[in-house]
Amino acid sequence: MIKRSVFTAIGLVLAVLVASAQEDPLTKLNYPEDLREDLAIVRQTLEQAHPDPYRYRSKAELDRMFDDIASSFTVPLSAEEFIQATLPAFRVIGDAGTVLMPPVGLRTAYEHSEPLLPITVSVIGGRMYLNEELKGFRSLPTACEILQINERPAAQVLAKLRSAQVPEGADTTLLDRRIEQDFPVLYRRHVERADKFVIAYRTAVGAVGEKELFALTKDEMRQTYKPKGYDLLPWRLEEFPGDRSAWLTLGTMDPAELERQRIAPERFLNSVLDALRKGDASTLVIDVRGASGNDLGVAEQVFSLIGQVPYRVVKSMSIRSGRVPDSYRYATPAPEFFASVGGMYMPEAKGRRELKPDDPRLAPVLPLSKAFQGKVYVVCDGLTTGAAAAFVMMAKRTGRARTVGEELGSNASSFCGGKVLELTLPRSGCVLHVPLTRYVPEGTPVGPADRGEMPNYRVPQRAVDLAQGKDTVRDALLNLIGEMR
């Protein structure tokens, strides 16, 4: 009897341990039949809800790709392996906002408890440079070029991280900026999991060396690393009275983030106009590097600051069908979108429904009488997407501003955004993001149809300036403005 009780207790403990291991987000495996079920939901949702799924490949080609992916599921896969297996289909759709994300539990582990490489990088000219070490002391030379990580050449690491992302058409700038945005997690997800990292580097003066860094969790990084400078508001104005100029930084165009920061766009922009008038400013720089947002109304508000003739953000908008997709039971509810589209859009034609031409969102907006009348420069980069990218396109295409920096992260001909449908797949727990609206910006793009809008003046960050803590674009533009005075 005692033996039976002991064996029963041991069996219960083992069962609990096995169950715990199965539910560990880092090690949980999904059987092939479960993977095929989740893939079918992804495929169906993209076909029924994505506003432009066949831009670069025909339906027949994409269907064959999904069939091949389903056939490849012969052994159990982790969530990350499932994401990698489905990535080819997402890459050919070519919409950077349509992605399959890891399960919530796995993202939580990356954010708190999973050991990571504690550095950030800058990608300049196809090379990786140290940006910051996310710990309490410095081990590597400032802004050194990273040559190898654990004997992997930096070019190989960079290629892996680029190919693991969903691009916006043929735009590579967005991929590099996203690598900079969260290098530790991307390296862990797509290159390797390790407890220590041997970094081979080259300094600005050409000296080479190696250093060993130990992995840290993000929680440990937050405890030991103190960011440089001050925690500044995303919207702020800096005036230069001597040059009669001002630098307006707009770090986000996301209404939720602006509300969280207690920034009311209309009130803020009115205060900017007052400051420019009082300071007799003749030149304004609007810096939207890294800015994004799904509400194009914010782009319209910002452009009112400088608009001189009637303008509009987009010349057309479209959705897939407006019908609730079959997978909606797995989605975060979005009743306001599906309930409102019926009367706003034309009947379905050629796989999409166009916004009615008399919709107020397509009507030209009259300029403000008090809008800024001086010279305008707009600074942008690969992370300038969505509403911020739409603003840049308006500023450039109307001739109201000269754009400076690098290629935008949203496609110049049309891009997807607006309300995002978010589904949690029932078997793997992976989260599918699908934007529901396609926007065609006003005006005519110049350059390749599968790239982002190109700036009037291409000014990338320079590695030599990174070593000195300088912002290449800002310094060059302020020097130009000063010389013109």
Protein backbone atom coordinates (compact mmCIF):
# COMPACT_ATOMS: atom_id res chain seq x y z
CA MET A 1 0.00 0.00 0.00
CA ILE A 2 2.83 2.36 0.92
CA LYS A 3 4.68 1.46 -2.30
CA ARG A 4 1.55 2.12 -4.34
CA SER A 5 1.14 5.54 -2.69
CA VAL A 6 4.78 6.41 -3.36
CA PHE A 7 4.53 5.40 -7.03
CA THR A 8 1.25 7.30 -7.37
CA ALA A 9 2.84 10.44 -5.91
CA ILE A 10 5.86 10.10 -8.20
CA GLY A 11 3.54 9.64 -11.17
CA LEU A 12 1.62 12.78 -10.29
CA VAL A 13 4.82 14.79 -9.94
CA LEU A 14 6.08 13.55 -13.31
CA ALA A 15 2.74 14.34 -14.93
CA VAL A 16 2.87 17.88 -13.56
CA LEU A 17 6.46 18.30 -14.77
CA VAL A 18 5.60 17.01 -18.24
CA ALA A 19 2.55 19.27 -18.44
CA SER A 20 4.62 22.25 -17.31
CA ALA A 21 7.27 21.50 -19.92
CA GLN A 22 4.61 21.23 -22.61
CA GLU A 23 3.21 24.64 -21.67
CA ASP A 24 6.61 26.35 -21.42
CA PRO A 25 6.42 28.92 -24.23
CA LEU A 26 10.11 28.41 -25.03
CA THR A 27 9.87 24.64 -25.51
CA LYS A 28 6.21 23.92 -26.35
CA LEU A 29 5.84 21.89 -29.55
CA ASN A 30 2.85 21.81 -31.88
CA TYR A 31 1.88 18.66 -33.77
CA PRO A 32 1.68 18.73 -37.59
CA GLU A 33 -2.13 18.49 -37.65
CA ASP A 34 -2.34 21.48 -35.29
CA LEU A 35 0.09 23.46 -37.44
CA ARG A 36 -1.98 22.76 -40.55
CA GLU A 37 -5.12 23.90 -38.73
CA ASP A 38 -3.49 27.20 -37.75
CA LEU A 39 -2.05 27.66 -41.24
CA ALA A 40 -5.52 27.19 -42.75
CA ILE A 41 -6.81 29.99 -40.51
CA VAL A 42 -3.94 32.28 -41.57
CA ARG A 43 -4.57 31.53 -45.24
CA GLN A 44 -8.32 32.04 -44.98
CA THR A 45 -7.98 35.29 -43.03
CA LEU A 46 -5.53 36.79 -45.51
CA GLU A 47 -7.80 35.85 -48.41
CA GLN A 48 -10.94 37.24 -46.76
CA ALA A 49 -9.65 40.31 -44.89
CA HIS A 50 -6.35 41.62 -46.27
CA PRO A 51 -7.01 44.57 -48.60
CA ASP A 52 -4.22 43.77 -51.10
CA PRO A 53 -2.94 40.18 -50.75
CA TYR A 54 -2.14 39.58 -54.43
CA ARG A 55 -0.12 42.66 -55.21
CA TYR A 56 3.12 40.83 -56.00
CA ARG A 57 1.87 37.25 -56.55
CA SER A 58 -1.31 35.89 -58.08
CA LYS A 59 -3.86 34.01 -55.99
CA ALA A 60 -2.84 30.76 -57.69
CA GLU A 61 0.83 31.31 -56.82
CA LEU A 62 0.06 32.18 -53.19
CA ASP A 63 -2.28 29.17 -52.89
CA ARG A 64 0.48 26.86 -54.13
CA MET A 65 2.87 28.36 -51.61
CA PHE A 66 0.45 27.72 -48.74
CA ASP A 67 -0.09 24.14 -50.00
CA ASP A 68 3.67 23.55 -50.01
CA ILE A 69 4.01 24.95 -46.49
CA ALA A 70 1.19 22.69 -45.23
CA SER A 71 2.87 19.66 -46.83
CA SER A 72 6.15 20.49 -45.08
CA PHE A 73 4.62 19.96 -41.62
CA THR A 74 5.78 16.40 -40.88
CA VAL A 75 7.24 16.79 -37.38
CA PRO A 76 6.24 18.87 -34.32
CA LEU A 77 7.45 22.48 -34.40
CA SER A 78 7.84 25.24 -31.84
CA ALA A 79 5.99 28.52 -32.32
CA GLU A 80 9.13 30.18 -33.68
CA GLU A 81 9.70 27.31 -36.13
CA PHE A 82 6.08 27.62 -37.28
CA ILE A 83 6.56 31.35 -37.86
CA GLN A 84 9.71 30.68 -39.88
CA ALA A 85 7.93 28.02 -41.95
CA THR A 86 5.12 30.42 -42.88
CA LEU A 87 7.41 33.41 -43.50
CA PRO A 88 7.81 32.86 -47.28
CA ALA A 89 4.08 33.47 -47.80
CA PHE A 90 4.15 36.68 -45.78
CA ARG A 91 7.25 37.91 -47.60
CA VAL A 92 5.68 37.56 -51.05
CA ILE A 93 2.57 39.47 -49.89
CA GLY A 94 5.04 42.28 -49.22
CA ASP A 95 3.13 44.15 -46.51
CA ALA A 96 5.33 44.85 -43.48
CA GLY A 97 2.25 45.30 -41.29
CA THR A 98 0.95 41.79 -42.01
CA VAL A 99 2.94 39.56 -39.69
CA LEU A 100 2.74 36.45 -37.54
CA MET A 101 3.98 37.19 -34.03
CA PRO A 102 5.11 34.77 -31.29
CA PRO A 103 2.55 33.79 -28.63
CA VAL A 104 2.01 36.22 -25.77
CA GLY A 105 3.83 33.94 -23.31
CA LEU A 106 6.90 33.79 -25.52
CA ARG A 107 6.97 37.56 -26.04
CA THR A 108 6.68 37.98 -22.27
CA ALA A 109 9.69 35.70 -21.79
CA TYR A 110 11.72 37.74 -24.29
CA GLU A 111 10.71 40.93 -22.52
CA HIS A 112 11.55 39.77 -18.99
CA SER A 113 13.24 36.42 -18.37
CA GLU A 114 15.07 35.17 -21.47
CA PRO A 115 18.87 35.82 -21.56
CA LEU A 116 19.77 38.11 -24.47
CA LEU A 117 22.81 39.76 -26.05
CA PRO A 118 22.92 43.11 -24.18
CA ILE A 119 23.77 45.53 -26.98
CA THR A 120 22.03 47.65 -29.59
CA VAL A 121 23.46 48.30 -33.03
CA SER A 122 23.37 50.84 -35.84
CA VAL A 123 23.24 49.49 -39.38
CA ILE A 124 25.19 51.85 -41.65
CA GLY A 125 26.20 51.07 -45.21
CA GLY A 126 25.48 47.36 -44.79
CA ARG A 127 27.67 47.08 -41.67
CA MET A 128 26.85 46.80 -37.98
CA TYR A 129 28.23 49.25 -35.45
CA LEU A 130 27.86 49.22 -31.68
CA ASN A 131 25.26 51.74 -30.59
CA GLU A 132 24.90 51.05 -26.86
CA GLU A 133 25.73 48.39 -24.28
CA LEU A 134 22.65 47.67 -22.20
CA LYS A 135 24.46 47.15 -18.91
CA GLY A 136 26.08 49.19 -16.20
CA PHE A 137 29.60 49.30 -17.63
CA ARG A 138 31.32 49.45 -21.02
CA SER A 139 33.23 46.47 -22.43
CA LEU A 140 33.52 47.41 -26.10
CA PRO A 141 35.05 50.51 -27.72
CA THR A 142 32.59 53.29 -28.50
CA ALA A 143 30.82 52.86 -31.88
CA CYS A 144 33.17 50.07 -32.95
CA GLU A 145 32.29 48.04 -36.04
CA ILE A 146 31.11 44.55 -35.12
CA LEU A 147 32.97 41.99 -37.24
CA GLN A 148 31.78 38.71 -35.71
CA ILE A 149 29.49 37.42 -32.96
CA ASN A 150 30.43 33.94 -31.69
CA GLU A 151 32.48 33.46 -34.88
CA ARG A 152 29.53 34.36 -37.15
CA PRO A 153 30.49 37.13 -39.59
CA ALA A 154 28.47 40.30 -39.09
CA ALA A 155 27.33 40.18 -42.73
CA GLN A 156 25.85 36.73 -42.09
CA VAL A 157 24.08 37.93 -38.94
CA LEU A 158 22.68 40.93 -40.78
CA ALA A 159 21.47 38.76 -43.67
CA LYS A 160 19.72 36.40 -41.23
CA LEU A 161 17.96 39.24 -39.44
CA ARG A 162 16.85 40.85 -42.69
CA SER A 163 15.51 37.61 -44.16
CA ALA A 164 13.61 36.81 -40.96
CA GLN A 165 11.39 39.90 -41.36
CA VAL A 166 8.43 40.73 -43.58
CA PRO A 167 9.50 43.52 -45.97
CA GLU A 168 7.46 46.38 -47.40
CA GLY A 169 7.79 45.44 -51.06
CA ALA A 170 11.49 45.66 -51.96
CA ASP A 171 12.30 48.22 -49.23
CA THR A 172 15.35 47.15 -47.18
CA THR A 173 15.72 50.36 -45.15
CA LEU A 174 12.78 49.46 -42.92
CA LEU A 175 14.35 46.06 -42.19
CA ASP A 176 17.62 47.62 -41.03
CA ARG A 177 15.88 50.16 -38.81
CA ARG A 178 13.82 47.40 -37.19
CA ILE A 179 17.03 45.51 -36.48
CA GLU A 180 18.25 48.61 -34.66
CA GLN A 181 14.93 48.88 -32.81
CA ASP A 182 15.20 45.58 -30.91
CA PHE A 183 18.45 43.84 -31.79
CA PRO A 184 18.71 41.67 -28.62
CA VAL A 185 15.35 39.95 -29.20
CA LEU A 186 15.79 39.60 -32.96
CA TYR A 187 19.24 38.06 -32.46
CA ARG A 188 17.84 35.59 -29.91
CA ARG A 189 14.89 34.66 -32.13
CA HIS A 190 16.65 34.28 -35.45
CA VAL A 191 20.36 33.65 -34.84
CA GLU A 192 21.05 31.80 -31.58
CA ARG A 193 20.37 31.40 -27.88
CA ALA A 194 23.58 31.68 -25.87
CA ASP A 195 24.77 32.51 -22.36
CA LYS A 196 27.85 34.38 -23.55
CA PHE A 197 28.96 36.11 -26.72
CA VAL A 198 32.45 36.66 -28.11
CA ILE A 199 32.39 39.92 -30.08
CA ALA A 200 35.12 40.59 -32.65
CA TYR A 201 35.33 44.29 -33.43
CA ARG A 202 37.25 47.01 -35.24
CA THR A 203 37.65 50.49 -33.74
CA ALA A 204 37.33 53.79 -35.58
CA VAL A 205 41.14 53.93 -35.94
CA GLY A 206 41.37 50.40 -37.36
CA ALA A 207 42.47 48.42 -34.29
CA VAL A 208 40.85 44.98 -33.98
CA GLY A 209 40.08 42.97 -30.87
CA GLU A 210 37.70 40.61 -29.08
CA LYS A 211 35.59 40.89 -25.94
CA GLU A 212 33.32 38.43 -24.17
CA LEU A 213 29.87 39.59 -23.05
CA PHE A 214 27.52 37.61 -20.83
CA ALA A 215 23.81 37.39 -21.59
CA LEU A 216 21.33 39.42 -19.55
CA THR A 217 17.57 39.38 -19.38
CA LYS A 218 15.73 42.59 -20.24
CA ASP A 219 14.77 42.93 -16.59
CA GLU A 220 18.47 42.78 -15.67
CA MET A 221 19.28 45.33 -18.38
CA ARG A 222 16.68 47.73 -16.98
CA GLN A 223 18.21 47.40 -13.51
CA THR A 224 21.80 48.07 -14.61
CA TYR A 225 21.57 50.30 -17.69
CA LYS A 226 20.81 54.00 -17.39
CA PRO A 227 19.93 55.62 -20.76
CA LYS A 228 21.82 58.74 -21.77
CA GLY A 229 20.15 62.13 -21.72
CA TYR A 230 16.63 63.01 -20.66
CA ASP A 231 13.27 61.36 -21.20
CA LEU A 232 11.79 63.87 -23.66
CA LEU A 233 8.22 64.21 -24.87
CA PRO A 234 7.61 62.76 -28.36
CA TRP A 235 6.28 66.13 -29.60
CA ARG A 236 8.52 69.10 -28.83
CA LEU A 237 9.71 72.36 -30.38
CA GLU A 238 13.26 73.70 -30.23
CA GLU A 239 13.81 77.29 -31.37
CA PHE A 240 17.01 78.86 -32.80
CA PRO A 241 16.37 82.63 -32.70
CA GLY A 242 19.79 83.49 -34.12
CA ASP A 243 18.99 81.66 -37.35
CA ARG A 244 15.25 82.44 -37.26
CA SER A 245 14.60 78.71 -37.41
CA ALA A 246 12.94 75.99 -35.34
CA TRP A 247 13.17 72.20 -35.08
CA LEU A 248 9.85 70.41 -34.48
CA THR A 249 10.18 66.78 -33.42
CA LEU A 250 7.13 64.56 -33.90
CA GLY A 251 8.24 61.14 -32.64
CA THR A 252 4.86 59.45 -33.05
CA MET A 253 1.55 59.88 -34.86
CA ASP A 254 -0.24 57.21 -32.86
CA PRO A 255 -3.34 58.75 -31.21
CA ALA A 256 -3.17 56.32 -28.27
CA GLU A 257 0.45 57.22 -27.53
CA LEU A 258 -0.29 60.94 -27.85
CA GLU A 259 -3.17 60.56 -25.42
CA ARG A 260 -0.94 58.63 -23.01
CA GLN A 261 1.57 61.48 -23.16
CA ARG A 262 -1.28 63.99 -22.68
CA ILE A 263 -0.59 65.67 -26.01
CA ALA A 264 -3.62 67.16 -27.76
CA PRO A 265 -2.50 67.55 -31.42
CA GLU A 266 -4.66 70.55 -32.32
CA ARG A 267 -3.74 72.51 -29.20
CA PHE A 268 -0.06 71.62 -29.52
CA LEU A 269 0.13 72.61 -33.20
CA ASN A 270 -1.61 75.91 -32.49
CA SER A 271 1.00 76.62 -29.82
CA VAL A 272 3.73 75.85 -32.38
CA LEU A 273 2.23 78.35 -34.83
CA ASP A 274 2.12 80.97 -32.08
CA ALA A 275 5.77 80.33 -31.18
CA LEU A 276 6.89 80.51 -34.82
CA ARG A 277 5.04 83.79 -35.31
CA LYS A 278 6.40 85.35 -32.13
CA GLY A 279 9.94 84.19 -32.93
CA ASP A 280 9.68 85.47 -36.51
CA ALA A 281 10.91 82.08 -37.76
CA SER A 282 11.59 81.79 -41.48
CA THR A 283 12.65 78.11 -41.56
CA LEU A 284 10.99 75.10 -39.94
CA VAL A 285 12.36 71.56 -39.73
CA ILE A 286 9.81 68.82 -38.98
CA ASP A 287 11.54 65.64 -37.79
CA VAL A 288 9.36 62.51 -38.10
CA ARG A 289 12.11 59.88 -37.90
CA GLY A 290 10.78 56.75 -36.23
CA ALA A 291 7.20 58.06 -36.23
CA SER A 292 4.24 55.84 -37.13
CA GLY A 293 0.50 55.60 -36.59
CA ASN A 294 -2.57 54.09 -38.22
CA ASP A 295 -4.83 57.17 -38.16
CA LEU A 296 -4.18 59.31 -41.26
CA GLY A 297 -6.22 62.08 -39.68
CA VAL A 298 -3.14 62.92 -37.60
CA ALA A 299 -1.12 63.38 -40.82
CA GLU A 300 -3.79 65.80 -42.04
CA GLN A 301 -3.64 67.73 -38.76
CA VAL A 302 0.15 68.03 -38.92
CA PHE A 303 0.12 69.16 -42.55
CA SER A 304 -2.30 71.96 -41.62
CA LEU A 305 0.72 73.53 -39.89
CA ILE A 306 2.37 74.23 -43.26
CA GLY A 307 -0.30 73.75 -45.95
CA GLN A 308 -0.74 76.69 -48.35
CA VAL A 309 -3.15 75.25 -50.95
CA PRO A 310 -6.07 72.77 -50.65
CA TYR A 311 -4.74 69.29 -49.89
CA ARG A 312 -5.78 65.74 -49.08
CA VAL A 313 -3.88 62.80 -47.65
CA VAL A 314 -5.11 60.04 -49.99
CA LYS A 315 -6.86 59.86 -53.34
CA SER A 316 -8.45 56.46 -52.66
CA MET A 317 -9.02 53.91 -49.91
CA SER A 318 -10.16 50.32 -50.23
CA ILE A 319 -10.94 47.23 -48.17
CA ARG A 320 -11.20 43.56 -49.10
CA SER A 321 -14.95 42.94 -48.83
CA GLY A 322 -16.12 44.33 -45.50
CA ARG A 323 -17.53 40.95 -44.51
CA VAL A 324 -16.57 39.49 -41.16
CA PRO A 325 -13.94 36.78 -41.83
CA ASP A 326 -14.67 33.19 -40.81
CA SER A 327 -11.78 33.34 -38.32
CA TYR A 328 -13.27 36.30 -36.45
CA ARG A 329 -14.02 34.12 -33.40
CA TYR A 330 -10.25 34.06 -32.73
CA ALA A 331 -9.89 37.83 -33.10
CA THR A 332 -9.83 40.77 -30.76
CA PRO A 333 -13.31 42.21 -31.50
CA ALA A 334 -13.45 45.09 -33.99
CA PRO A 335 -17.21 45.67 -34.31
CA GLU A 336 -16.88 49.37 -35.15
CA PHE A 337 -14.98 48.55 -38.35
CA PHE A 338 -17.25 45.86 -39.76
CA ALA A 339 -20.45 47.63 -38.68
CA SER A 340 -19.54 50.88 -40.44
CA VAL A 341 -18.16 49.81 -43.82
CA GLY A 342 -21.45 48.94 -45.51
CA GLY A 343 -22.55 52.46 -46.40
CA MET A 344 -19.07 53.91 -46.93
CA TYR A 345 -17.70 51.69 -49.69
CA MET A 346 -18.70 50.89 -53.26
CA PRO A 347 -19.86 47.36 -54.19
CA GLU A 348 -17.06 44.81 -54.46
CA ALA A 349 -15.16 44.79 -57.76
CA LYS A 350 -11.92 43.00 -58.69
CA GLY A 351 -11.48 41.67 -55.17
CA ARG A 352 -11.85 44.95 -53.26
CA ARG A 353 -14.30 47.67 -52.28
CA GLU A 354 -13.33 51.29 -52.94
CA LEU A 355 -14.32 54.14 -50.65
CA LYS A 356 -17.16 56.19 -52.17
CA PRO A 357 -15.76 59.25 -53.97
CA ASP A 358 -18.00 61.64 -52.00
CA ASP A 359 -16.62 60.46 -48.64
CA PRO A 360 -15.34 63.44 -46.57
CA ARG A 361 -11.95 61.75 -46.16
CA LEU A 362 -11.32 62.23 -49.89
CA ALA A 363 -12.39 65.88 -49.94
CA PRO A 364 -9.66 68.54 -50.20
CA VAL A 365 -8.93 70.43 -46.97
CA LEU A 366 -8.61 74.20 -47.14
CA PRO A 367 -5.36 75.60 -45.70
CA LEU A 368 -5.33 77.60 -42.48
CA SER A 369 -4.97 81.34 -42.90
CA LYS A 370 -2.41 81.33 -40.08
CA ALA A 371 -0.35 78.38 -41.44
CA PHE A 372 3.44 78.77 -41.44
CA GLN A 373 4.58 80.45 -44.67
CA GLY A 374 8.36 79.99 -44.46
CA LYS A 375 10.74 77.35 -45.79
CA VAL A 376 10.13 73.78 -44.57
CA TYR A 377 12.36 70.71 -44.37
CA VAL A 378 11.00 67.30 -43.34
CA VAL A 379 13.41 64.72 -41.89
CA CYS A 380 12.46 61.04 -42.27
CA ASP A 381 13.93 57.54 -42.08
CA GLY A 382 13.09 53.88 -42.66
CA LEU A 383 10.95 53.74 -39.51
CA THR A 384 8.75 56.60 -40.74
CA THR A 385 5.60 54.65 -41.60
CA GLY A 386 1.81 54.89 -41.75
CA ALA A 387 0.42 58.34 -40.95
CA ALA A 388 3.91 59.82 -40.63
CA ALA A 389 4.89 58.50 -44.06
CA ALA A 390 1.65 59.90 -45.51
CA PHE A 391 2.56 63.31 -44.09
CA VAL A 392 6.03 63.15 -45.67
CA MET A 393 4.55 62.20 -49.04
CA MET A 394 2.13 65.15 -48.87
CA ALA A 395 4.90 67.55 -47.93
CA LYS A 396 7.13 66.40 -50.79
CA ARG A 397 4.54 65.89 -53.54
CA THR A 398 2.84 69.25 -53.00
CA GLY A 399 6.24 70.93 -53.17
CA ARG A 400 5.67 72.45 -49.73
CA ALA A 401 8.82 70.92 -48.19
CA ARG A 402 12.14 69.38 -49.09
CA THR A 403 12.58 65.94 -47.56
CA VAL A 404 15.87 64.85 -46.01
CA GLY A 405 17.10 61.50 -44.70
CA GLU A 406 16.31 58.12 -46.18
CA GLU A 407 13.64 56.00 -47.87
CA LEU A 408 10.31 55.81 -46.04
CA GLY A 409 9.13 52.54 -44.50
CA SER A 410 5.69 52.64 -46.19
CA ASN A 411 5.27 51.98 -49.90
CA ALA A 412 5.11 55.07 -52.10
CA SER A 413 2.36 53.79 -54.44
CA SER A 414 0.02 52.34 -51.82
CA PHE A 415 0.29 50.89 -48.33
CA CYS A 416 -1.92 49.03 -45.86
CA GLY A 417 -2.89 50.31 -42.43
CA GLY A 418 -5.84 51.59 -40.44
CA LYS A 419 -7.62 49.18 -38.13
CA VAL A 420 -5.57 46.02 -37.54
CA LEU A 421 -7.32 42.67 -37.15
CA GLU A 422 -5.52 40.68 -34.43
CA LEU A 423 -6.10 36.93 -34.24
CA THR A 424 -4.70 34.45 -31.72
CA LEU A 425 -4.33 31.10 -33.47
CA PRO A 426 -6.01 28.35 -31.42
CA ARG A 427 -3.25 25.71 -31.55
CA SER A 428 0.13 27.45 -31.59
CA GLY A 429 -0.99 30.64 -29.83
CA CYS A 430 0.81 32.74 -32.47
CA VAL A 431 -0.77 36.13 -33.11
CA LEU A 432 -1.68 37.24 -36.64
CA HIS A 433 -1.81 40.95 -37.48
CA VAL A 434 -3.72 41.99 -40.62
CA PRO A 435 -4.31 45.68 -41.48
CA LEU A 436 -7.75 46.11 -43.02
CA THR A 437 -7.42 49.20 -45.25
CA ARG A 438 -5.36 50.02 -48.34
CA TYR A 439 -4.39 53.65 -48.88
CA VAL A 440 -3.29 55.28 -52.14
CA PRO A 441 -1.53 58.57 -51.27
CA GLU A 442 -2.36 61.74 -53.19
CA GLY A 443 0.12 62.68 -55.89
CA THR A 444 2.51 60.69 -58.05
CA PRO A 445 5.48 58.83 -56.58
CA VAL A 446 8.90 59.11 -58.19
CA GLY A 447 10.97 55.94 -58.27
CA PRO A 448 10.31 52.18 -58.19
CA ALA A 449 6.71 51.11 -57.49
CA ASP A 450 7.82 48.54 -54.89
CA ARG A 451 9.87 50.94 -52.75
CA GLY A 452 9.20 53.64 -50.19
CA GLU A 453 9.13 57.34 -51.08
CA MET A 454 12.67 58.58 -51.64
CA PRO A 455 13.85 61.84 -50.04
CA ASN A 456 14.87 64.91 -52.01
CA TYR A 457 18.22 64.78 -50.20
CA ARG A 458 19.55 61.41 -49.08
CA VAL A 459 21.58 61.93 -45.90
CA PRO A 460 22.36 58.71 -43.97
CA GLN A 461 23.91 58.53 -40.53
CA ARG A 462 27.72 58.33 -40.75
CA ALA A 463 29.74 55.87 -38.69
CA VAL A 464 32.31 58.56 -37.84
CA ASP A 465 29.54 60.72 -36.36
CA LEU A 466 28.16 57.79 -34.39
CA ALA A 467 31.51 57.50 -32.59
CA GLN A 468 31.20 61.14 -31.53
CA GLY A 469 27.56 60.90 -30.51
CA LYS A 470 26.48 63.16 -33.36
CA ASP A 471 23.28 63.09 -35.41
CA THR A 472 24.53 63.40 -39.00
CA VAL A 473 21.23 64.59 -40.47
CA ARG A 474 20.50 67.14 -37.76
CA ASP A 475 24.01 68.61 -37.81
CA ALA A 476 24.10 68.84 -41.61
CA LEU A 477 20.69 70.51 -41.82
CA LEU A 478 21.33 73.00 -39.02
CA ASN A 479 24.68 73.91 -40.61
CA LEU A 480 22.95 74.45 -43.96
CA ILE A 481 20.28 76.67 -42.39
CA GLY A 482 22.94 78.67 -40.56
CA GLU A 483 24.99 79.19 -43.73
CA MET A 484 21.91 80.30 -45.68
CA ARG A 485 21.32 83.04 -43.09
